[in-house]
Amino acid sequence: MAQDKTNTFRVKLVRSGFGRIPRHRQTLRGLGLTRMNKVMTLNDTPAIRGMVKKVEHLVQVLPDED
């Protein structure tokens, strides 16, 4: 049976959300980034890309591991 490979990418929290505006902290929590250096694998959707764009100064986008 063939497996469907969805497009994903990884995001790492490199700067803290402490002291940021509440909307940025909520966005980080929505992405699952609750601690420094935590890496999350996320689906490549327009909504997720918009969230990453909002906090791009706090995160680093990494290539997806296969």
Protein backbone atom coordinates (compact mmCIF):
# COMPACT_ATOMS: atom_id res chain seq x y z
CA MET A 1 0.00 0.00 0.00
CA ALA A 2 1.44 3.37 -1.02
CA GLN A 3 1.88 5.96 1.70
CA ASP A 4 0.89 9.55 1.14
CA LYS A 5 3.80 11.89 1.91
CA THR A 6 2.46 15.23 3.07
CA ASN A 7 4.66 18.29 2.78
CA THR A 8 6.09 19.22 6.15
CA PHE A 9 8.82 21.42 7.55
CA ARG A 10 10.46 21.79 10.95
CA VAL A 11 10.52 24.93 13.07
CA LYS A 12 12.84 25.56 16.02
CA LEU A 13 12.29 28.20 18.72
CA VAL A 14 15.58 30.14 18.91
CA ARG A 15 14.44 33.27 20.81
CA SER A 16 12.15 33.31 23.82
CA GLY A 17 8.57 34.50 23.76
CA PHE A 18 9.08 36.05 27.20
CA GLY A 19 8.43 39.79 27.11
CA ARG A 20 6.80 39.65 23.67
CA ILE A 21 3.32 40.87 22.88
CA PRO A 22 0.57 38.40 23.84
CA ARG A 23 -0.34 37.71 20.21
CA HIS A 24 3.20 36.46 19.47
CA ARG A 25 3.20 34.27 22.60
CA GLN A 26 -0.16 32.79 21.58
CA THR A 27 1.15 32.11 18.09
CA LEU A 28 4.17 30.28 19.48
CA ARG A 29 1.91 28.18 21.69
CA GLY A 30 -0.33 27.45 18.69
CA LEU A 31 2.71 26.16 16.82
CA GLY A 32 3.60 23.96 19.80
CA LEU A 33 6.78 25.88 20.59
CA THR A 34 6.68 26.16 24.37
CA ARG A 35 10.39 25.94 25.27
CA MET A 36 13.65 27.23 23.87
CA ASN A 37 15.30 24.97 21.26
CA LYS A 38 12.15 22.88 20.88
CA VAL A 39 11.67 21.59 17.34
CA MET A 40 8.23 20.87 15.87
CA THR A 41 7.40 19.21 12.57
CA LEU A 42 4.47 21.06 11.02
CA ASN A 43 2.30 20.51 7.96
CA ASP A 44 2.93 22.92 5.11
CA THR A 45 -0.39 24.79 4.97
CA PRO A 46 -1.12 28.48 4.34
CA ALA A 47 -2.35 28.92 7.93
CA ILE A 48 0.82 27.46 9.44
CA ARG A 49 3.01 29.48 7.07
CA GLY A 50 1.20 32.64 8.18
CA MET A 51 1.80 31.80 11.84
CA VAL A 52 5.51 31.19 11.18
CA LYS A 53 5.71 34.47 9.24
CA LYS A 54 4.23 36.34 12.22
CA VAL A 55 7.00 35.10 14.56
CA GLU A 56 9.83 34.69 12.05
CA HIS A 57 12.11 36.79 14.26
CA LEU A 58 11.79 34.18 17.03
CA VAL A 59 12.06 30.91 15.08
CA GLN A 60 14.33 29.14 12.63
CA VAL A 61 12.90 27.05 9.79
CA LEU A 62 14.80 23.80 9.31
CA PRO A 63 14.63 21.34 6.41
CA ASP A 64 12.38 18.34 7.01
CA GLU A 65 14.12 15.07 7.90
CA ASP A 66 13.11 12.10 5.78
